[in-house]
Amino acid sequence: MSKQGNKVKKYLLTTVGLLSVGLGVVGMFLPILPTTPFLLLAAYCFVRSNRRLYDKLLSHKVLGAYISDFMLHKTIPKKVKAVSIATLWVTIGVSVLLVKLLWVKILLIGVAVGVSVHILSFKSR
């Protein structure tokens, strides 16, 4: 890849990282948005594009804890698991009630089951 291509890639990754941090912070207050996946995506983007932002994100007193807990221990706090799964099933339940197509309802329920199993597969703190 050319120097200019690398530069564009770094700007794109930095932009995606910054957007992910923003969505992660919003997710701390809106239960429908997950915080940890957005912060992990931001860390992934920053480590490949802007080491200064990566270090700043990991050393942040609030946001850094979400990332380090998951990266170091592969754990999710029990409260976060409970809120995530409850929010998931409420939003999927409402969606299933509003959708008319049976195959979409089945798909939504399948996604909810899969995500729930995935969340529960992590150890709790």
Protein backbone atom coordinates (compact mmCIF):
# COMPACT_ATOMS: atom_id res chain seq x y z
CA MET A 1 0.00 0.00 0.00
CA SER A 2 1.27 3.48 -0.81
CA LYS A 3 2.14 6.10 1.79
CA GLN A 4 -0.99 8.04 0.92
CA GLY A 5 -3.09 4.86 1.17
CA ASN A 6 -1.67 4.17 4.63
CA LYS A 7 -2.43 7.74 5.66
CA VAL A 8 -6.06 7.43 4.50
CA LYS A 9 -6.37 4.09 6.30
CA LYS A 10 -5.08 5.63 9.53
CA TYR A 11 -7.48 8.58 9.28
CA LEU A 12 -10.36 6.20 8.59
CA LEU A 13 -9.44 3.97 11.56
CA THR A 14 -9.05 7.00 13.83
CA THR A 15 -12.46 8.32 12.73
CA VAL A 16 -14.14 4.95 13.31
CA GLY A 17 -12.38 4.75 16.69
CA LEU A 18 -13.62 8.19 17.74
CA LEU A 19 -17.18 7.37 16.63
CA SER A 20 -16.98 4.11 18.56
CA VAL A 21 -15.87 5.90 21.72
CA GLY A 22 -18.80 8.28 21.32
CA LEU A 23 -21.27 5.42 20.87
CA GLY A 24 -19.71 3.57 23.81
CA VAL A 25 -20.17 6.60 26.06
CA VAL A 26 -23.77 7.02 24.91
CA GLY A 27 -24.24 3.30 25.61
CA MET A 28 -23.36 3.91 29.25
CA PHE A 29 -26.58 5.90 29.54
CA LEU A 30 -28.83 4.23 26.95
CA PRO A 31 -29.31 0.54 27.66
CA ILE A 32 -30.06 -0.23 24.01
CA LEU A 33 -26.45 0.52 23.00
CA PRO A 34 -23.71 -1.79 24.25
CA THR A 35 -20.71 -0.01 25.76
CA THR A 36 -17.96 -2.63 25.79
CA PRO A 37 -18.11 -3.72 22.11
CA PHE A 38 -17.86 -0.11 20.94
CA LEU A 39 -14.92 0.56 23.24
CA LEU A 40 -13.20 -2.63 22.09
CA LEU A 41 -13.70 -1.54 18.48
CA ALA A 42 -12.24 1.86 19.34
CA ALA A 43 -9.20 0.23 20.97
CA TYR A 44 -8.74 -1.99 17.90
CA CYS A 45 -8.90 1.01 15.58
CA PHE A 46 -6.62 3.17 17.70
CA VAL A 47 -3.94 0.53 18.17
CA ARG A 48 -3.65 0.39 14.36
CA SER A 49 -3.90 4.11 13.69
CA ASN A 50 -3.12 6.36 16.66
CA ARG A 51 -1.11 4.97 19.55
CA ARG A 52 -1.61 8.17 21.58
CA LEU A 53 -5.41 7.79 21.49
CA TYR A 54 -5.09 4.08 22.30
CA ASP A 55 -2.98 4.81 25.39
CA LYS A 56 -5.34 7.61 26.42
CA LEU A 57 -8.39 5.34 26.05
CA LEU A 58 -6.85 2.50 28.07
CA SER A 59 -5.66 4.84 30.82
CA HIS A 60 -9.03 6.62 31.13
CA LYS A 61 -10.35 6.04 34.66
CA VAL A 62 -13.84 4.98 33.53
CA LEU A 63 -13.58 3.82 29.92
CA GLY A 64 -10.30 2.01 30.40
CA ALA A 65 -11.85 -0.32 32.97
CA TYR A 66 -14.39 -1.66 30.46
CA ILE A 67 -11.64 -2.52 28.02
CA SER A 68 -9.04 -3.85 30.44
CA ASP A 69 -11.52 -6.06 32.30
CA PHE A 70 -12.56 -7.67 29.08
CA MET A 71 -9.11 -7.85 27.46
CA LEU A 72 -7.26 -9.11 30.53
CA HIS A 73 -9.84 -11.27 32.25
CA LYS A 74 -12.46 -12.00 29.57
CA THR A 75 -15.10 -11.16 32.15
CA ILE A 76 -18.31 -9.18 32.10
CA PRO A 77 -19.79 -7.83 35.36
CA LYS A 78 -23.01 -9.59 36.43
CA LYS A 79 -24.95 -6.33 36.38
CA VAL A 80 -23.84 -5.62 32.81
CA LYS A 81 -24.85 -9.13 31.75
CA ALA A 82 -28.27 -8.78 33.36
CA VAL A 83 -28.98 -5.34 31.88
CA SER A 84 -27.71 -6.38 28.45
CA ILE A 85 -29.80 -9.52 28.28
CA ALA A 86 -32.90 -7.84 29.68
CA THR A 87 -32.60 -4.95 27.23
CA LEU A 88 -31.95 -7.35 24.36
CA TRP A 89 -35.06 -9.40 25.07
CA VAL A 90 -37.31 -6.38 25.63
CA THR A 91 -36.27 -4.78 22.33
CA ILE A 92 -36.45 -8.09 20.45
CA GLY A 93 -39.84 -8.80 22.03
CA VAL A 94 -41.22 -5.45 20.92
CA SER A 95 -39.78 -6.00 17.45
CA VAL A 96 -41.34 -9.46 17.20
CA LEU A 97 -44.73 -7.98 18.14
CA LEU A 98 -44.44 -5.24 15.50
CA VAL A 99 -43.11 -7.35 12.63
CA LYS A 100 -45.62 -9.18 10.44
CA LEU A 101 -43.34 -11.65 8.63
CA LEU A 102 -42.89 -14.99 10.40
CA TRP A 103 -39.37 -15.57 9.06
CA VAL A 104 -38.24 -12.18 10.43
CA LYS A 105 -39.73 -13.04 13.84
CA ILE A 106 -37.86 -16.35 13.84
CA LEU A 107 -34.65 -14.61 12.77
CA LEU A 108 -34.98 -12.01 15.55
CA ILE A 109 -35.55 -14.67 18.18
CA GLY A 110 -32.60 -16.66 16.83
CA VAL A 111 -30.35 -13.60 17.07
CA ALA A 112 -31.53 -12.94 20.63
CA VAL A 113 -30.82 -16.53 21.66
CA GLY A 114 -27.38 -16.43 20.03
CA VAL A 115 -26.41 -13.12 21.63
CA SER A 116 -27.71 -14.27 25.03
CA VAL A 117 -25.67 -17.47 24.84
CA HIS A 118 -22.61 -15.47 23.79
CA ILE A 119 -22.98 -13.01 26.68
CA LEU A 120 -23.55 -15.82 29.18
CA SER A 121 -20.49 -17.69 27.90
CA PHE A 122 -18.20 -15.11 29.51
CA LYS A 123 -17.23 -15.42 33.15
CA SER A 124 -18.79 -12.98 35.60
CA ARG A 125 -17.03 -10.72 38.05
